[in-house]
């Protein structure tokens, strides 16, 4: 299901089914102003084969969770504190931008595989918990994938695909 073998039942311990620390705020002092604390099968082996996981996301004022996708999961985000602008883009050819401002206690769904994001639009910190429909949802951050892949995507391909100057492509590849 996710490439991980099940643990021998005789070796299973209570700690395989427990994760501590989601009550702790993460450090958001970074260029994007957010931090994700994952609880997937890698952190909590007891999730193996269950098809679920979760994350805590902390946002500084104006912080973002940049445009990204989960190739193996839908996401249900619950806002615990603050105000977030959330959104996703539907698939081609429509490419509709679906967006909403959430407040404490609100819930929003991001369908599997669609590019989505969150931005803190409040004056204080924001905190959300998101449930994902896979124990190993994966994450593809759009900018990092396009401009930070190793080896790099050819700049001629990106120039043509994005209709931007080669200098812009080279600059973006240099910072990712």
C-alpha atoms as a PDB file:
ATOM      1  CA  UNK A   1       0.000   0.000   0.000  1.00  0.00           C
ATOM      2  CA  UNK A   2       2.825   2.442   0.789  1.00  0.00           C
ATOM      3  CA  UNK A   3       5.977   0.420   0.355  1.00  0.00           C
ATOM      4  CA  UNK A   4       6.401  -0.303   4.061  1.00  0.00           C
ATOM      5  CA  UNK A   5       6.307  -3.823   5.385  1.00  0.00           C
ATOM      6  CA  UNK A   6       4.087  -4.525   8.363  1.00  0.00           C
ATOM      7  CA  UNK A   7       5.891  -4.937  11.655  1.00  0.00           C
ATOM      8  CA  UNK A   8       6.001  -8.421  13.151  1.00  0.00           C
ATOM      9  CA  UNK A   9       2.936  -8.507  15.462  1.00  0.00           C
ATOM     10  CA  UNK A  10       5.095  -9.985  18.243  1.00  0.00           C
ATOM     11  CA  UNK A  11       7.345  -6.877  18.110  1.00  0.00           C
ATOM     12  CA  UNK A  12       4.534  -4.277  18.198  1.00  0.00           C
ATOM     13  CA  UNK A  13       4.691  -1.832  21.121  1.00  0.00           C
ATOM     14  CA  UNK A  14       2.376   0.898  22.430  1.00  0.00           C
ATOM     15  CA  UNK A  15       4.768   3.558  21.068  1.00  0.00           C
ATOM     16  CA  UNK A  16       4.018   2.295  17.531  1.00  0.00           C
ATOM     17  CA  UNK A  17       0.496   3.712  18.030  1.00  0.00           C
ATOM     18  CA  UNK A  18       1.335   6.958  19.804  1.00  0.00           C
ATOM     19  CA  UNK A  19       2.791  10.337  18.776  1.00  0.00           C
ATOM     20  CA  UNK A  20       3.420  13.232  21.134  1.00  0.00           C
ATOM     21  CA  UNK A  21       4.027  16.879  20.441  1.00  0.00           C
ATOM     22  CA  UNK A  22       1.174  18.228  18.333  1.00  0.00           C
ATOM     23  CA  UNK A  23       0.367  20.647  21.152  1.00  0.00           C
ATOM     24  CA  UNK A  24       3.725  22.379  20.602  1.00  0.00           C
ATOM     25  CA  UNK A  25       3.973  25.355  18.265  1.00  0.00           C
ATOM     26  CA  UNK A  26       6.596  24.884  15.552  1.00  0.00           C
ATOM     27  CA  UNK A  27       9.177  27.471  14.526  1.00  0.00           C
ATOM     28  CA  UNK A  28       7.793  29.665  11.732  1.00  0.00           C
ATOM     29  CA  UNK A  29      10.903  31.868  11.460  1.00  0.00           C
ATOM     30  CA  UNK A  30      11.636  30.942   7.847  1.00  0.00           C
ATOM     31  CA  UNK A  31      11.100  32.608   4.462  1.00  0.00           C
ATOM     32  CA  UNK A  32       7.546  31.267   4.048  1.00  0.00           C
ATOM     33  CA  UNK A  33       6.422  31.858   7.629  1.00  0.00           C
ATOM     34  CA  UNK A  34       4.989  28.409   8.302  1.00  0.00           C
ATOM     35  CA  UNK A  35       5.957  24.988   9.565  1.00  0.00           C
ATOM     36  CA  UNK A  36       4.363  21.580   9.026  1.00  0.00           C
ATOM     37  CA  UNK A  37       4.585  18.857  11.668  1.00  0.00           C
ATOM     38  CA  UNK A  38       3.702  15.560   9.940  1.00  0.00           C
ATOM     39  CA  UNK A  39       2.213  12.483  11.562  1.00  0.00           C
ATOM     40  CA  UNK A  40       2.462   9.912   8.784  1.00  0.00           C
ATOM     41  CA  UNK A  41       3.455   6.273   8.832  1.00  0.00           C
ATOM     42  CA  UNK A  42       7.092   7.430   9.075  1.00  0.00           C
ATOM     43  CA  UNK A  43       6.438   9.061  12.467  1.00  0.00           C
ATOM     44  CA  UNK A  44       3.672   6.735  13.646  1.00  0.00           C
ATOM     45  CA  UNK A  45       4.132   3.142  12.430  1.00  0.00           C
ATOM     46  CA  UNK A  46       0.665   2.164  13.688  1.00  0.00           C
ATOM     47  CA  UNK A  47      -0.813   4.077  10.736  1.00  0.00           C
ATOM     48  CA  UNK A  48       0.585   1.488   8.317  1.00  0.00           C
ATOM     49  CA  UNK A  49      -2.217   0.187   6.044  1.00  0.00           C
ATOM     50  CA  UNK A  50      -4.878   2.378   7.729  1.00  0.00           C
ATOM     51  CA  UNK A  51      -5.060   4.964   4.935  1.00  0.00           C
ATOM     52  CA  UNK A  52      -4.929   8.015   7.239  1.00  0.00           C
ATOM     53  CA  UNK A  53      -2.441  10.568   8.544  1.00  0.00           C
ATOM     54  CA  UNK A  54      -2.427  14.126   9.801  1.00  0.00           C
ATOM     55  CA  UNK A  55      -0.312  17.251  10.067  1.00  0.00           C
ATOM     56  CA  UNK A  56      -0.191  20.315  12.275  1.00  0.00           C
ATOM     57  CA  UNK A  57       0.513  23.528  10.401  1.00  0.00           C
ATOM     58  CA  UNK A  58       1.702  26.661  12.205  1.00  0.00           C
ATOM     59  CA  UNK A  59       1.566  30.026  10.429  1.00  0.00           C
ATOM     60  CA  UNK A  60       3.197  33.315  11.394  1.00  0.00           C
ATOM     61  CA  UNK A  61       1.280  36.487  10.478  1.00  0.00           C
ATOM     62  CA  UNK A  62       1.258  36.640   6.623  1.00  0.00           C
ATOM     63  CA  UNK A  63       2.823  33.152   6.554  1.00  0.00           C
ATOM     64  CA  UNK A  64       1.901  30.739   3.787  1.00  0.00           C
ATOM     65  CA  UNK A  65       1.824  27.044   3.124  1.00  0.00           C
ATOM     66  CA  UNK A  66       2.956  27.407  -0.503  1.00  0.00           C
ATOM     67  CA  UNK A  67       1.121  25.933  -3.489  1.00  0.00           C
ATOM     68  CA  UNK A  68       1.527  22.167  -3.312  1.00  0.00           C
ATOM     69  CA  UNK A  69      -0.261  18.921  -3.985  1.00  0.00           C
ATOM     70  CA  UNK A  70      -0.620  15.536  -2.314  1.00  0.00           C
ATOM     71  CA  UNK A  71      -0.432  12.873  -5.036  1.00  0.00           C
ATOM     72  CA  UNK A  72      -1.941  10.150  -2.850  1.00  0.00           C
ATOM     73  CA  UNK A  73      -4.434  11.938  -0.578  1.00  0.00           C
ATOM     74  CA  UNK A  74      -7.313  14.319  -0.147  1.00  0.00           C
ATOM     75  CA  UNK A  75      -6.973  16.715   2.775  1.00  0.00           C
ATOM     76  CA  UNK A  76      -9.483  17.989   5.337  1.00  0.00           C
ATOM     77  CA  UNK A  77      -8.129  21.087   7.103  1.00  0.00           C
ATOM     78  CA  UNK A  78      -9.574  22.320  10.416  1.00  0.00           C
ATOM     79  CA  UNK A  79      -8.562  25.789  11.591  1.00  0.00           C
ATOM     80  CA  UNK A  80      -7.902  25.817  15.335  1.00  0.00           C
ATOM     81  CA  UNK A  81      -6.668  29.392  15.695  1.00  0.00           C
ATOM     82  CA  UNK A  82      -6.552  32.520  13.540  1.00  0.00           C
ATOM     83  CA  UNK A  83      -7.814  33.276  10.017  1.00  0.00           C
ATOM     84  CA  UNK A  84      -6.610  31.638   6.806  1.00  0.00           C
ATOM     85  CA  UNK A  85      -7.226  32.268   3.150  1.00  0.00           C
ATOM     86  CA  UNK A  86      -7.305  28.810   1.579  1.00  0.00           C
ATOM     87  CA  UNK A  87      -7.654  27.795  -2.010  1.00  0.00           C
ATOM     88  CA  UNK A  88      -7.168  25.205  -4.689  1.00  0.00           C
ATOM     89  CA  UNK A  89      -7.173  25.143  -8.475  1.00  0.00           C
ATOM     90  CA  UNK A  90      -9.381  22.702 -10.365  1.00  0.00           C
ATOM     91  CA  UNK A  91      -7.925  20.613 -13.168  1.00  0.00           C
ATOM     92  CA  UNK A  92      -7.392  21.675 -16.766  1.00  0.00           C
ATOM     93  CA  UNK A  93      -9.069  22.981 -18.865  1.00  0.00           C
ATOM     94  CA  UNK A  94     -11.129  24.981 -16.341  1.00  0.00           C
ATOM     95  CA  UNK A  95      -8.321  25.800 -13.867  1.00  0.00           C
ATOM     96  CA  UNK A  96     -10.856  27.462 -11.560  1.00  0.00           C
ATOM     97  CA  UNK A  97      -9.472  29.033  -8.392  1.00  0.00           C
ATOM     98  CA  UNK A  98     -11.709  28.034  -5.472  1.00  0.00           C
ATOM     99  CA  UNK A  99     -10.916  30.172  -2.414  1.00  0.00           C
ATOM    100  CA  UNK A 100     -12.386  31.071   0.974  1.00  0.00           C
ATOM    101  CA  UNK A 101     -11.335  32.780   4.188  1.00  0.00           C
ATOM    102  CA  UNK A 102     -11.586  30.425   7.164  1.00  0.00           C
ATOM    103  CA  UNK A 103     -12.012  31.376  10.808  1.00  0.00           C
ATOM    104  CA  UNK A 104     -11.441  29.399  13.999  1.00  0.00           C
ATOM    105  CA  UNK A 105     -13.425  26.142  13.865  1.00  0.00           C
ATOM    106  CA  UNK A 106     -13.956  26.181  10.082  1.00  0.00           C
ATOM    107  CA  UNK A 107     -13.180  23.138   7.925  1.00  0.00           C
ATOM    108  CA  UNK A 108     -12.141  23.028   4.256  1.00  0.00           C
ATOM    109  CA  UNK A 109     -11.507  20.091   1.883  1.00  0.00           C
ATOM    110  CA  UNK A 110      -8.715  19.917  -0.708  1.00  0.00           C
ATOM    111  CA  UNK A 111      -9.433  17.146  -3.263  1.00  0.00           C
ATOM    112  CA  UNK A 112      -6.701  14.624  -4.039  1.00  0.00           C
ATOM    113  CA  UNK A 113      -3.982  15.767  -6.428  1.00  0.00           C
ATOM    114  CA  UNK A 114      -5.110  19.396  -6.808  1.00  0.00           C
ATOM    115  CA  UNK A 115      -2.716  22.302  -6.245  1.00  0.00           C
ATOM    116  CA  UNK A 116      -3.691  24.099  -3.038  1.00  0.00           C
ATOM    117  CA  UNK A 117      -2.331  26.595  -0.508  1.00  0.00           C
ATOM    118  CA  UNK A 118      -3.081  28.489   2.698  1.00  0.00           C
ATOM    119  CA  UNK A 119      -2.180  32.044   3.791  1.00  0.00           C
ATOM    120  CA  UNK A 120      -2.538  33.570   7.242  1.00  0.00           C
ATOM    121  CA  UNK A 121      -4.651  36.705   6.772  1.00  0.00           C
ATOM    122  CA  UNK A 122      -4.992  37.451  10.488  1.00  0.00           C
ATOM    123  CA  UNK A 123      -2.846  39.718  12.643  1.00  0.00           C
ATOM    124  CA  UNK A 124      -1.697  36.876  14.929  1.00  0.00           C
ATOM    125  CA  UNK A 125      -0.462  33.341  14.513  1.00  0.00           C
ATOM    126  CA  UNK A 126      -2.708  30.663  13.016  1.00  0.00           C
ATOM    127  CA  UNK A 127      -2.800  26.918  13.678  1.00  0.00           C
ATOM    128  CA  UNK A 128      -4.502  24.172  11.692  1.00  0.00           C
ATOM    129  CA  UNK A 129      -4.751  20.406  11.829  1.00  0.00           C
ATOM    130  CA  UNK A 130      -5.223  18.565   8.551  1.00  0.00           C
ATOM    131  CA  UNK A 131      -6.294  14.949   8.114  1.00  0.00           C
ATOM    132  CA  UNK A 132      -5.137  13.172   4.960  1.00  0.00           C
ATOM    133  CA  UNK A 133      -6.638  10.103   3.317  1.00  0.00           C
ATOM    134  CA  UNK A 134      -3.354   8.182   3.127  1.00  0.00           C
ATOM    135  CA  UNK A 135      -0.784   7.051   5.657  1.00  0.00           C
ATOM    136  CA  UNK A 136       1.812   8.239   3.111  1.00  0.00           C
ATOM    137  CA  UNK A 137       0.189  11.200   1.275  1.00  0.00           C
ATOM    138  CA  UNK A 138       3.337  12.629  -0.295  1.00  0.00           C
ATOM    139  CA  UNK A 139       3.804  16.315  -0.984  1.00  0.00           C
ATOM    140  CA  UNK A 140       4.950  18.132  -4.116  1.00  0.00           C
ATOM    141  CA  UNK A 141       5.679  21.832  -3.541  1.00  0.00           C
ATOM    142  CA  UNK A 142       5.100  23.369  -6.962  1.00  0.00           C
ATOM    143  CA  UNK A 143       7.913  25.957  -7.053  1.00  0.00           C
ATOM    144  CA  UNK A 144      10.487  23.577  -5.562  1.00  0.00           C
ATOM    145  CA  UNK A 145       9.524  20.806  -7.978  1.00  0.00           C
ATOM    146  CA  UNK A 146       9.640  23.014 -11.071  1.00  0.00           C
ATOM    147  CA  UNK A 147      12.674  25.152 -10.233  1.00  0.00           C
ATOM    148  CA  UNK A 148      14.579  22.988  -7.729  1.00  0.00           C
ATOM    149  CA  UNK A 149      14.595  19.537  -9.317  1.00  0.00           C
ATOM    150  CA  UNK A 150      17.931  17.709  -9.599  1.00  0.00           C
ATOM    151  CA  UNK A 151      18.942  17.429 -12.317  1.00  0.00           C
ATOM    152  CA  UNK A 152      17.261  20.664 -13.387  1.00  0.00           C
ATOM    153  CA  UNK A 153      14.457  20.823 -15.923  1.00  0.00           C
ATOM    154  CA  UNK A 154      16.000  22.395 -19.019  1.00  0.00           C
ATOM    155  CA  UNK A 155      15.641  26.174 -18.982  1.00  0.00           C
ATOM    156  CA  UNK A 156      14.507  26.073 -22.627  1.00  0.00           C
ATOM    157  CA  UNK A 157      11.574  23.876 -21.571  1.00  0.00           C
ATOM    158  CA  UNK A 158      10.617  26.223 -18.716  1.00  0.00           C
ATOM    159  CA  UNK A 159      11.003  29.339 -20.899  1.00  0.00           C
ATOM    160  CA  UNK A 160       8.603  27.870 -23.448  1.00  0.00           C
ATOM    161  CA  UNK A 161       6.171  26.342 -20.938  1.00  0.00           C
ATOM    162  CA  UNK A 162       5.951  29.385 -18.670  1.00  0.00           C
ATOM    163  CA  UNK A 163       6.461  32.056 -21.343  1.00  0.00           C
ATOM    164  CA  UNK A 164       9.074  33.879 -19.247  1.00  0.00           C
ATOM    165  CA  UNK A 165      12.583  35.142 -19.886  1.00  0.00           C
ATOM    166  CA  UNK A 166      15.527  32.729 -19.609  1.00  0.00           C
ATOM    167  CA  UNK A 167      17.132  35.047 -17.036  1.00  0.00           C
ATOM    168  CA  UNK A 168      14.077  34.684 -14.796  1.00  0.00           C
ATOM    169  CA  UNK A 169      14.211  30.891 -15.128  1.00  0.00           C
ATOM    170  CA  UNK A 170      17.940  30.831 -14.328  1.00  0.00           C
ATOM    171  CA  UNK A 171      17.395  33.081 -11.305  1.00  0.00           C
ATOM    172  CA  UNK A 172      14.541  30.944  -9.990  1.00  0.00           C
ATOM    173  CA  UNK A 173      16.558  27.758 -10.468  1.00  0.00           C
ATOM    174  CA  UNK A 174      19.426  29.348  -8.528  1.00  0.00           C
ATOM    175  CA  UNK A 175      17.298  30.017  -5.427  1.00  0.00           C
ATOM    176  CA  UNK A 176      15.529  26.646  -5.226  1.00  0.00           C
END
